[in-house]
N, C-alpha and C. Protein backbone atom coordinates (compact mmCIF):
# COMPACT_ATOMS: atom_id res chain seq x y z
N MET A 1 -27.71 106.95 32.28
CA MET A 1 -28.88 106.54 31.59
C MET A 1 -29.73 105.69 32.53
N LYS A 2 -30.99 105.90 32.40
CA LYS A 2 -31.91 105.24 33.30
C LYS A 2 -32.34 103.89 32.72
N ASN A 3 -32.39 102.86 33.55
CA ASN A 3 -32.77 101.51 33.14
C ASN A 3 -34.29 101.40 33.28
N PHE A 4 -34.97 101.07 32.13
CA PHE A 4 -36.42 101.00 32.15
C PHE A 4 -36.97 99.65 32.61
N PHE A 5 -36.12 98.60 32.63
CA PHE A 5 -36.57 97.27 33.04
C PHE A 5 -36.08 96.96 34.43
N PRO A 6 -36.93 96.42 35.25
CA PRO A 6 -36.46 95.99 36.56
C PRO A 6 -35.49 94.82 36.40
N LYS A 7 -34.70 94.58 37.41
CA LYS A 7 -33.66 93.56 37.37
C LYS A 7 -34.23 92.16 37.15
N SER A 8 -35.39 91.82 37.73
CA SER A 8 -35.95 90.47 37.61
C SER A 8 -36.41 90.18 36.18
N ILE A 9 -36.93 91.14 35.46
CA ILE A 9 -37.39 90.93 34.09
C ILE A 9 -36.19 90.87 33.15
N LYS A 10 -35.18 91.66 33.36
CA LYS A 10 -34.02 91.73 32.49
C LYS A 10 -33.26 90.40 32.47
N ASN A 11 -33.16 89.70 33.56
CA ASN A 11 -32.39 88.46 33.64
C ASN A 11 -33.29 87.21 33.53
N GLY A 12 -34.56 87.33 33.21
CA GLY A 12 -35.49 86.20 33.23
C GLY A 12 -35.58 85.42 31.93
N GLY A 13 -35.05 85.87 30.80
CA GLY A 13 -35.21 85.17 29.53
C GLY A 13 -34.04 84.28 29.18
N PHE A 14 -34.14 83.66 27.99
CA PHE A 14 -33.07 82.80 27.48
C PHE A 14 -32.29 83.57 26.44
N THR A 15 -31.03 83.26 26.36
CA THR A 15 -30.21 83.90 25.32
C THR A 15 -30.39 83.14 24.03
N LEU A 16 -29.99 83.72 22.93
CA LEU A 16 -30.08 83.09 21.62
C LEU A 16 -29.24 81.82 21.56
N VAL A 17 -28.09 81.81 22.18
CA VAL A 17 -27.22 80.64 22.20
C VAL A 17 -27.90 79.49 22.95
N GLU A 18 -28.54 79.78 24.06
CA GLU A 18 -29.24 78.73 24.81
C GLU A 18 -30.39 78.13 23.99
N LEU A 19 -31.12 78.96 23.26
CA LEU A 19 -32.20 78.46 22.42
C LEU A 19 -31.68 77.58 21.29
N ILE A 20 -30.59 77.97 20.66
CA ILE A 20 -30.01 77.17 19.57
C ILE A 20 -29.50 75.84 20.09
N VAL A 21 -28.83 75.84 21.25
CA VAL A 21 -28.32 74.59 21.83
C VAL A 21 -29.48 73.67 22.20
N SER A 22 -30.51 74.20 22.83
CA SER A 22 -31.64 73.35 23.22
C SER A 22 -32.37 72.80 21.99
N ALA A 23 -32.51 73.60 20.94
CA ALA A 23 -33.15 73.12 19.71
C ALA A 23 -32.30 72.02 19.06
N GLY A 24 -30.99 72.17 19.08
CA GLY A 24 -30.09 71.14 18.54
C GLY A 24 -30.17 69.84 19.32
N VAL A 25 -30.19 69.93 20.66
CA VAL A 25 -30.30 68.72 21.49
C VAL A 25 -31.65 68.05 21.24
N PHE A 26 -32.71 68.83 21.14
CA PHE A 26 -34.03 68.27 20.84
C PHE A 26 -34.04 67.56 19.49
N ALA A 27 -33.42 68.14 18.48
CA ALA A 27 -33.37 67.53 17.14
C ALA A 27 -32.61 66.21 17.17
N VAL A 28 -31.50 66.15 17.89
CA VAL A 28 -30.71 64.92 17.98
C VAL A 28 -31.50 63.83 18.69
N VAL A 29 -32.13 64.17 19.80
CA VAL A 29 -32.91 63.18 20.56
C VAL A 29 -34.10 62.69 19.72
N THR A 30 -34.77 63.58 19.01
CA THR A 30 -35.90 63.20 18.16
C THR A 30 -35.45 62.30 17.02
N THR A 31 -34.32 62.58 16.41
CA THR A 31 -33.79 61.76 15.33
C THR A 31 -33.47 60.35 15.82
N ILE A 32 -32.86 60.24 16.97
CA ILE A 32 -32.54 58.92 17.54
C ILE A 32 -33.82 58.16 17.85
N ALA A 33 -34.79 58.84 18.43
CA ALA A 33 -36.05 58.18 18.77
C ALA A 33 -36.79 57.73 17.51
N MET A 34 -36.80 58.52 16.47
CA MET A 34 -37.48 58.15 15.23
C MET A 34 -36.78 56.97 14.57
N GLY A 35 -35.46 56.93 14.62
CA GLY A 35 -34.72 55.79 14.07
C GLY A 35 -35.10 54.49 14.78
N GLY A 36 -35.21 54.54 16.08
CA GLY A 36 -35.64 53.37 16.85
C GLY A 36 -37.06 52.97 16.53
N PHE A 37 -37.93 53.95 16.36
CA PHE A 37 -39.33 53.68 16.04
C PHE A 37 -39.46 53.04 14.66
N VAL A 38 -38.75 53.56 13.67
CA VAL A 38 -38.78 53.00 12.32
C VAL A 38 -38.23 51.57 12.33
N SER A 39 -37.16 51.35 13.07
CA SER A 39 -36.58 50.01 13.18
C SER A 39 -37.57 49.04 13.83
N ALA A 40 -38.26 49.50 14.85
CA ALA A 40 -39.27 48.65 15.52
C ALA A 40 -40.41 48.32 14.56
N LEU A 41 -40.86 49.28 13.76
CA LEU A 41 -41.91 49.02 12.78
C LEU A 41 -41.46 48.00 11.74
N ARG A 42 -40.24 48.12 11.26
CA ARG A 42 -39.70 47.18 10.27
C ARG A 42 -39.62 45.78 10.86
N THR A 43 -39.15 45.67 12.09
CA THR A 43 -39.06 44.37 12.76
C THR A 43 -40.45 43.77 12.95
N HIS A 44 -41.41 44.58 13.33
CA HIS A 44 -42.78 44.11 13.50
C HIS A 44 -43.36 43.61 12.18
N ARG A 45 -43.13 44.35 11.10
CA ARG A 45 -43.63 43.96 9.78
C ARG A 45 -43.02 42.62 9.35
N ASN A 46 -41.71 42.44 9.57
CA ASN A 46 -41.05 41.18 9.23
C ASN A 46 -41.60 40.03 10.07
N ALA A 47 -41.79 40.26 11.36
CA ALA A 47 -42.32 39.21 12.24
C ALA A 47 -43.73 38.82 11.82
N MET A 48 -44.56 39.79 11.47
CA MET A 48 -45.92 39.49 11.02
C MET A 48 -45.91 38.71 9.72
N ALA A 49 -45.01 39.05 8.80
CA ALA A 49 -44.91 38.32 7.53
C ALA A 49 -44.47 36.88 7.77
N LEU A 50 -43.52 36.67 8.68
CA LEU A 50 -43.07 35.32 9.00
C LEU A 50 -44.20 34.52 9.65
N MET A 51 -44.94 35.14 10.56
CA MET A 51 -46.05 34.43 11.21
C MET A 51 -47.15 34.10 10.21
N THR A 52 -47.42 35.00 9.28
CA THR A 52 -48.44 34.75 8.26
C THR A 52 -48.02 33.60 7.35
N ALA A 53 -46.75 33.60 6.93
CA ALA A 53 -46.25 32.52 6.08
C ALA A 53 -46.32 31.18 6.81
N ASN A 54 -45.92 31.17 8.07
CA ASN A 54 -45.96 29.96 8.87
C ASN A 54 -47.40 29.47 9.04
N SER A 55 -48.31 30.36 9.34
CA SER A 55 -49.71 30.01 9.54
C SER A 55 -50.34 29.47 8.27
N ASN A 56 -50.07 30.14 7.14
CA ASN A 56 -50.63 29.70 5.87
C ASN A 56 -50.09 28.33 5.47
N THR A 57 -48.81 28.11 5.69
CA THR A 57 -48.20 26.82 5.36
C THR A 57 -48.74 25.72 6.26
N SER A 58 -48.91 26.01 7.53
CA SER A 58 -49.46 25.02 8.45
C SER A 58 -50.88 24.64 8.06
N ALA A 59 -51.67 25.60 7.63
CA ALA A 59 -53.04 25.31 7.19
C ALA A 59 -53.03 24.45 5.93
N ALA A 60 -52.12 24.74 5.01
CA ALA A 60 -52.01 23.93 3.79
C ALA A 60 -51.61 22.50 4.12
N ILE A 61 -50.64 22.34 5.00
CA ILE A 61 -50.20 20.99 5.39
C ILE A 61 -51.33 20.24 6.09
N GLU A 62 -52.09 20.93 6.91
CA GLU A 62 -53.21 20.28 7.60
C GLU A 62 -54.26 19.82 6.60
N GLN A 63 -54.52 20.60 5.57
CA GLN A 63 -55.46 20.21 4.52
C GLN A 63 -54.96 18.96 3.80
N ILE A 64 -53.68 18.94 3.46
CA ILE A 64 -53.09 17.77 2.80
C ILE A 64 -53.17 16.56 3.72
N ALA A 65 -52.80 16.73 4.98
CA ALA A 65 -52.78 15.61 5.94
C ALA A 65 -54.17 15.02 6.12
N ARG A 66 -55.18 15.86 6.18
CA ARG A 66 -56.55 15.38 6.35
C ARG A 66 -56.96 14.48 5.19
N GLU A 67 -56.56 14.88 3.99
CA GLU A 67 -56.92 14.09 2.81
C GLU A 67 -56.07 12.83 2.69
N ILE A 68 -54.82 12.89 3.12
CA ILE A 68 -53.94 11.71 3.08
C ILE A 68 -54.45 10.64 4.03
N ARG A 69 -54.92 11.02 5.20
CA ARG A 69 -55.36 10.05 6.21
C ARG A 69 -56.42 9.09 5.68
N THR A 70 -57.28 9.57 4.80
CA THR A 70 -58.35 8.73 4.28
C THR A 70 -58.09 8.28 2.85
N GLY A 71 -56.88 8.54 2.33
CA GLY A 71 -56.56 8.17 0.96
C GLY A 71 -55.93 6.79 0.86
N LYS A 72 -55.66 6.38 -0.40
CA LYS A 72 -55.00 5.10 -0.66
C LYS A 72 -54.31 5.17 -2.01
N SER A 73 -53.49 4.16 -2.30
CA SER A 73 -52.75 4.04 -3.57
C SER A 73 -51.85 5.26 -3.80
N PHE A 74 -50.92 5.48 -2.90
CA PHE A 74 -50.05 6.65 -2.94
C PHE A 74 -48.86 6.43 -3.87
N THR A 75 -48.52 7.46 -4.61
CA THR A 75 -47.26 7.50 -5.37
C THR A 75 -46.66 8.88 -5.15
N ALA A 76 -45.37 8.88 -4.88
CA ALA A 76 -44.68 10.16 -4.61
C ALA A 76 -43.45 10.24 -5.48
N SER A 77 -43.20 11.44 -5.98
CA SER A 77 -42.02 11.70 -6.79
C SER A 77 -41.58 13.13 -6.52
N GLY A 78 -40.62 13.31 -5.60
CA GLY A 78 -40.12 14.65 -5.27
C GLY A 78 -41.23 15.54 -4.75
N PRO A 79 -41.53 16.64 -5.49
CA PRO A 79 -42.56 17.56 -5.01
C PRO A 79 -43.97 17.17 -5.45
N ASN A 80 -44.18 15.92 -5.86
CA ASN A 80 -45.46 15.48 -6.38
C ASN A 80 -45.97 14.30 -5.57
N LEU A 81 -47.23 14.37 -5.16
CA LEU A 81 -47.89 13.27 -4.47
C LEU A 81 -49.23 13.04 -5.13
N SER A 82 -49.47 11.80 -5.55
CA SER A 82 -50.74 11.42 -6.18
C SER A 82 -51.34 10.27 -5.40
N PHE A 83 -52.66 10.27 -5.26
CA PHE A 83 -53.36 9.20 -4.56
C PHE A 83 -54.84 9.29 -4.84
N GLU A 84 -55.56 8.27 -4.37
CA GLU A 84 -57.00 8.25 -4.48
C GLU A 84 -57.59 8.67 -3.14
N ASN A 85 -58.43 9.70 -3.15
CA ASN A 85 -58.99 10.18 -1.88
C ASN A 85 -60.21 9.36 -1.48
N ALA A 86 -60.83 9.71 -0.38
CA ALA A 86 -61.96 8.95 0.16
C ALA A 86 -63.17 8.95 -0.78
N ASP A 87 -63.28 9.95 -1.64
CA ASP A 87 -64.40 10.02 -2.59
C ASP A 87 -64.12 9.25 -3.88
N GLY A 88 -62.93 8.64 -3.98
CA GLY A 88 -62.57 7.89 -5.19
C GLY A 88 -61.97 8.75 -6.28
N ASN A 89 -61.67 10.00 -6.01
CA ASN A 89 -61.07 10.89 -7.01
C ASN A 89 -59.55 10.81 -6.93
N ASN A 90 -58.90 10.95 -8.06
CA ASN A 90 -57.44 11.00 -8.10
C ASN A 90 -56.99 12.42 -7.78
N VAL A 91 -56.22 12.55 -6.71
CA VAL A 91 -55.78 13.86 -6.23
C VAL A 91 -54.27 13.95 -6.40
N THR A 92 -53.80 15.12 -6.82
CA THR A 92 -52.37 15.37 -6.96
C THR A 92 -52.03 16.68 -6.27
N TYR A 93 -51.03 16.62 -5.40
CA TYR A 93 -50.44 17.82 -4.81
C TYR A 93 -49.09 18.01 -5.45
N ASP A 94 -48.78 19.24 -5.84
CA ASP A 94 -47.54 19.48 -6.58
C ASP A 94 -47.08 20.92 -6.33
N LEU A 95 -45.88 21.19 -6.75
CA LEU A 95 -45.31 22.53 -6.66
C LEU A 95 -45.35 23.15 -8.04
N SER A 96 -46.07 24.25 -8.18
CA SER A 96 -46.16 24.96 -9.45
C SER A 96 -45.43 26.29 -9.30
N GLY A 97 -44.20 26.32 -9.78
CA GLY A 97 -43.38 27.51 -9.56
C GLY A 97 -43.01 27.60 -8.10
N GLU A 98 -43.57 28.56 -7.41
CA GLU A 98 -43.32 28.75 -5.98
C GLU A 98 -44.61 28.68 -5.18
N ILE A 99 -45.61 27.99 -5.73
CA ILE A 99 -46.91 27.88 -5.08
C ILE A 99 -47.31 26.41 -5.02
N LEU A 100 -47.84 25.99 -3.87
CA LEU A 100 -48.34 24.63 -3.69
C LEU A 100 -49.75 24.56 -4.28
N VAL A 101 -49.98 23.56 -5.15
CA VAL A 101 -51.26 23.45 -5.83
C VAL A 101 -51.84 22.05 -5.65
N ARG A 102 -53.15 21.96 -5.82
CA ARG A 102 -53.88 20.69 -5.74
C ARG A 102 -54.75 20.56 -6.98
N SER A 103 -54.72 19.38 -7.58
CA SER A 103 -55.62 19.13 -8.70
C SER A 103 -56.34 17.82 -8.45
N GLU A 104 -57.54 17.71 -9.01
CA GLU A 104 -58.37 16.54 -8.81
C GLU A 104 -58.79 16.00 -10.17
N ASN A 105 -58.57 14.70 -10.39
CA ASN A 105 -58.92 14.03 -11.66
C ASN A 105 -58.32 14.77 -12.86
N ASN A 106 -57.06 15.17 -12.74
CA ASN A 106 -56.32 15.88 -13.79
C ASN A 106 -57.01 17.17 -14.22
N GLY A 107 -57.81 17.75 -13.35
CA GLY A 107 -58.48 19.01 -13.64
C GLY A 107 -57.53 20.18 -13.39
N PRO A 108 -58.07 21.39 -13.42
CA PRO A 108 -57.22 22.56 -13.21
C PRO A 108 -56.66 22.59 -11.78
N ALA A 109 -55.45 23.10 -11.66
CA ALA A 109 -54.78 23.17 -10.36
C ALA A 109 -55.33 24.35 -9.56
N GLN A 110 -55.57 24.11 -8.28
CA GLN A 110 -56.03 25.14 -7.37
C GLN A 110 -54.91 25.47 -6.39
N LYS A 111 -54.71 26.74 -6.14
CA LYS A 111 -53.66 27.17 -5.22
C LYS A 111 -54.01 26.77 -3.79
N ILE A 112 -53.01 26.24 -3.08
CA ILE A 112 -53.19 25.87 -1.68
C ILE A 112 -52.54 26.92 -0.78
N THR A 113 -51.40 27.45 -1.20
CA THR A 113 -50.73 28.48 -0.42
C THR A 113 -51.06 29.85 -1.00
N ASP A 114 -51.02 30.87 -0.15
CA ASP A 114 -51.29 32.24 -0.59
C ASP A 114 -50.17 32.74 -1.50
N GLU A 115 -50.48 33.81 -2.20
CA GLU A 115 -49.49 34.38 -3.10
C GLU A 115 -48.41 35.16 -2.36
N ASN A 116 -48.63 35.47 -1.08
CA ASN A 116 -47.61 36.17 -0.31
C ASN A 116 -46.63 35.20 0.35
N VAL A 117 -46.73 33.90 0.00
CA VAL A 117 -45.85 32.87 0.53
C VAL A 117 -45.14 32.21 -0.64
N LEU A 118 -43.81 32.18 -0.60
CA LEU A 118 -43.04 31.50 -1.64
C LEU A 118 -42.57 30.16 -1.12
N VAL A 119 -42.89 29.10 -1.83
CA VAL A 119 -42.46 27.75 -1.45
C VAL A 119 -41.12 27.49 -2.12
N ASN A 120 -40.06 27.35 -1.33
CA ASN A 120 -38.73 27.09 -1.87
C ASN A 120 -38.53 25.63 -2.23
N TYR A 121 -39.07 24.74 -1.42
CA TYR A 121 -38.97 23.32 -1.75
C TYR A 121 -40.14 22.58 -1.14
N LEU A 122 -40.45 21.44 -1.73
CA LEU A 122 -41.52 20.57 -1.28
C LEU A 122 -41.13 19.15 -1.62
N SER A 123 -41.27 18.24 -0.68
CA SER A 123 -41.02 16.83 -0.98
C SER A 123 -41.97 15.95 -0.19
N PHE A 124 -42.38 14.88 -0.85
CA PHE A 124 -43.21 13.85 -0.24
C PHE A 124 -42.43 12.55 -0.27
N ARG A 125 -42.47 11.82 0.82
CA ARG A 125 -41.78 10.53 0.89
C ARG A 125 -42.72 9.52 1.53
N ILE A 126 -42.86 8.38 0.87
CA ILE A 126 -43.72 7.33 1.39
C ILE A 126 -42.87 6.37 2.21
N MET A 127 -43.29 6.15 3.44
CA MET A 127 -42.60 5.22 4.33
C MET A 127 -43.55 4.05 4.57
N ASN A 128 -43.21 2.90 4.00
CA ASN A 128 -44.03 1.71 4.21
C ASN A 128 -43.71 1.12 5.57
N GLY A 129 -44.74 0.67 6.24
CA GLY A 129 -44.59 0.20 7.61
C GLY A 129 -44.37 -1.29 7.75
N THR A 130 -43.70 -1.90 6.81
CA THR A 130 -43.50 -3.35 6.90
C THR A 130 -42.14 -3.65 7.51
N LEU A 131 -42.15 -4.00 8.76
CA LEU A 131 -40.97 -4.48 9.48
C LEU A 131 -41.24 -5.91 9.90
N PRO A 132 -40.22 -6.70 10.16
CA PRO A 132 -40.48 -8.07 10.61
C PRO A 132 -41.37 -8.09 11.85
N LEU A 133 -42.40 -8.88 11.80
CA LEU A 133 -43.36 -9.09 12.89
C LEU A 133 -44.21 -7.87 13.22
N VAL A 134 -44.02 -6.78 12.51
CA VAL A 134 -44.81 -5.57 12.78
C VAL A 134 -45.34 -5.05 11.44
N ASN A 135 -46.58 -4.69 11.41
CA ASN A 135 -47.16 -4.16 10.18
C ASN A 135 -47.82 -2.81 10.47
N TYR A 136 -47.03 -1.76 10.40
CA TYR A 136 -47.53 -0.42 10.62
C TYR A 136 -48.20 0.09 9.35
N PRO A 137 -49.13 1.01 9.48
CA PRO A 137 -49.70 1.60 8.26
C PRO A 137 -48.65 2.48 7.58
N SER A 138 -48.85 2.70 6.29
CA SER A 138 -47.92 3.57 5.56
C SER A 138 -47.98 4.97 6.13
N ARG A 139 -46.87 5.66 6.00
CA ARG A 139 -46.79 7.06 6.42
C ARG A 139 -46.27 7.88 5.26
N ILE A 140 -46.77 9.08 5.15
CA ILE A 140 -46.30 10.04 4.17
C ILE A 140 -45.57 11.14 4.94
N VAL A 141 -44.30 11.37 4.60
CA VAL A 141 -43.52 12.42 5.23
C VAL A 141 -43.53 13.62 4.29
N ILE A 142 -43.95 14.76 4.81
CA ILE A 142 -44.03 15.99 4.02
C ILE A 142 -42.97 16.95 4.54
N ASN A 143 -42.11 17.43 3.64
CA ASN A 143 -41.12 18.46 3.97
C ASN A 143 -41.40 19.67 3.08
N ILE A 144 -41.45 20.83 3.69
CA ILE A 144 -41.72 22.05 2.93
C ILE A 144 -40.91 23.19 3.52
N GLY A 145 -40.40 24.04 2.65
CA GLY A 145 -39.67 25.24 3.08
C GLY A 145 -40.27 26.46 2.42
N VAL A 146 -40.65 27.44 3.21
CA VAL A 146 -41.31 28.64 2.68
C VAL A 146 -40.66 29.90 3.24
N VAL A 147 -40.87 30.99 2.56
CA VAL A 147 -40.48 32.33 3.03
C VAL A 147 -41.59 33.30 2.65
N PRO A 148 -41.72 34.39 3.38
CA PRO A 148 -42.69 35.41 2.98
C PRO A 148 -42.22 36.14 1.73
N LYS A 149 -43.14 36.50 0.89
CA LYS A 149 -42.82 37.22 -0.35
C LYS A 149 -42.72 38.72 -0.06
N ASP A 150 -41.82 39.38 -0.75
CA ASP A 150 -41.68 40.84 -0.70
C ASP A 150 -41.26 41.39 0.65
N ILE A 151 -40.70 40.57 1.52
CA ILE A 151 -40.19 41.05 2.80
C ILE A 151 -38.72 40.66 2.88
N LYS A 152 -37.89 41.63 3.16
CA LYS A 152 -36.47 41.34 3.32
C LYS A 152 -36.22 40.94 4.76
N THR A 153 -35.88 39.67 4.95
CA THR A 153 -35.65 39.15 6.28
C THR A 153 -34.42 38.26 6.27
N SER A 154 -33.83 38.08 7.42
CA SER A 154 -32.64 37.24 7.51
C SER A 154 -33.00 35.76 7.50
N VAL A 155 -34.28 35.42 7.64
CA VAL A 155 -34.71 34.03 7.63
C VAL A 155 -34.75 33.55 6.18
N LYS A 156 -33.99 32.49 5.89
CA LYS A 156 -33.93 31.95 4.53
C LYS A 156 -35.07 30.98 4.25
N ASN A 157 -35.50 30.26 5.25
CA ASN A 157 -36.57 29.27 5.10
C ASN A 157 -37.29 29.08 6.42
N ILE A 158 -38.57 28.87 6.33
CA ILE A 158 -39.32 28.31 7.44
C ILE A 158 -39.50 26.86 7.06
N ASP A 159 -38.79 25.97 7.74
CA ASP A 159 -38.81 24.56 7.42
C ASP A 159 -39.85 23.85 8.27
N ILE A 160 -40.75 23.14 7.60
CA ILE A 160 -41.80 22.41 8.29
C ILE A 160 -41.77 20.97 7.79
N GLN A 161 -41.86 20.04 8.73
CA GLN A 161 -41.91 18.62 8.39
C GLN A 161 -42.98 17.96 9.23
N THR A 162 -43.72 17.06 8.61
CA THR A 162 -44.72 16.29 9.35
C THR A 162 -44.85 14.91 8.73
N SER A 163 -45.29 13.96 9.53
CA SER A 163 -45.58 12.61 9.06
C SER A 163 -47.06 12.35 9.25
N VAL A 164 -47.68 11.74 8.24
CA VAL A 164 -49.11 11.47 8.28
C VAL A 164 -49.31 9.98 8.08
N SER A 165 -49.99 9.33 8.99
CA SER A 165 -50.32 7.91 8.86
C SER A 165 -51.60 7.76 8.06
N THR A 166 -51.58 6.81 7.16
CA THR A 166 -52.81 6.52 6.40
C THR A 166 -53.68 5.57 7.19
N ARG A 167 -54.97 5.63 6.97
CA ARG A 167 -55.90 4.76 7.68
C ARG A 167 -56.37 3.60 6.81
N ASN A 168 -56.25 3.76 5.51
CA ASN A 168 -56.84 2.78 4.60
C ASN A 168 -55.86 1.74 4.06
N GLU A 169 -54.60 1.83 4.37
CA GLU A 169 -53.65 0.85 3.85
C GLU A 169 -53.03 0.05 4.95
């Protein structure tokens, strides 16, 4: 019988077994790469949520600190701080559920932290600066612990603490 194909064309293709093996190797490599990509996206999303929670909490603390510096007549009780601000209004910072709120002259509470941030704890402590022979101004110590909402992360709390010196006492 006569061969219609030259030798170079007859041996130039891939066999079915070679195609199946290469497709299987490609599928395994693609699956591993996609798993790594999905994991990287999840890690990025968690890191962004933690940074957002930290940034939002830092902004809230800075707002509180700015008002404390010019305030007077401080009273603190756990997560509640009340004082008279520079405008003569009675201001209260408190924890309402899992959100930090501010109210003025016993009016309606305004949210200070975003809704995507859960405040686990909040405490205010007044440190009077009266030591023998030294008269430091009062300081307010703020402790707050927050986590991002709706993100599953291994971080249980972002703990932030700051001390604010008053100028008017």
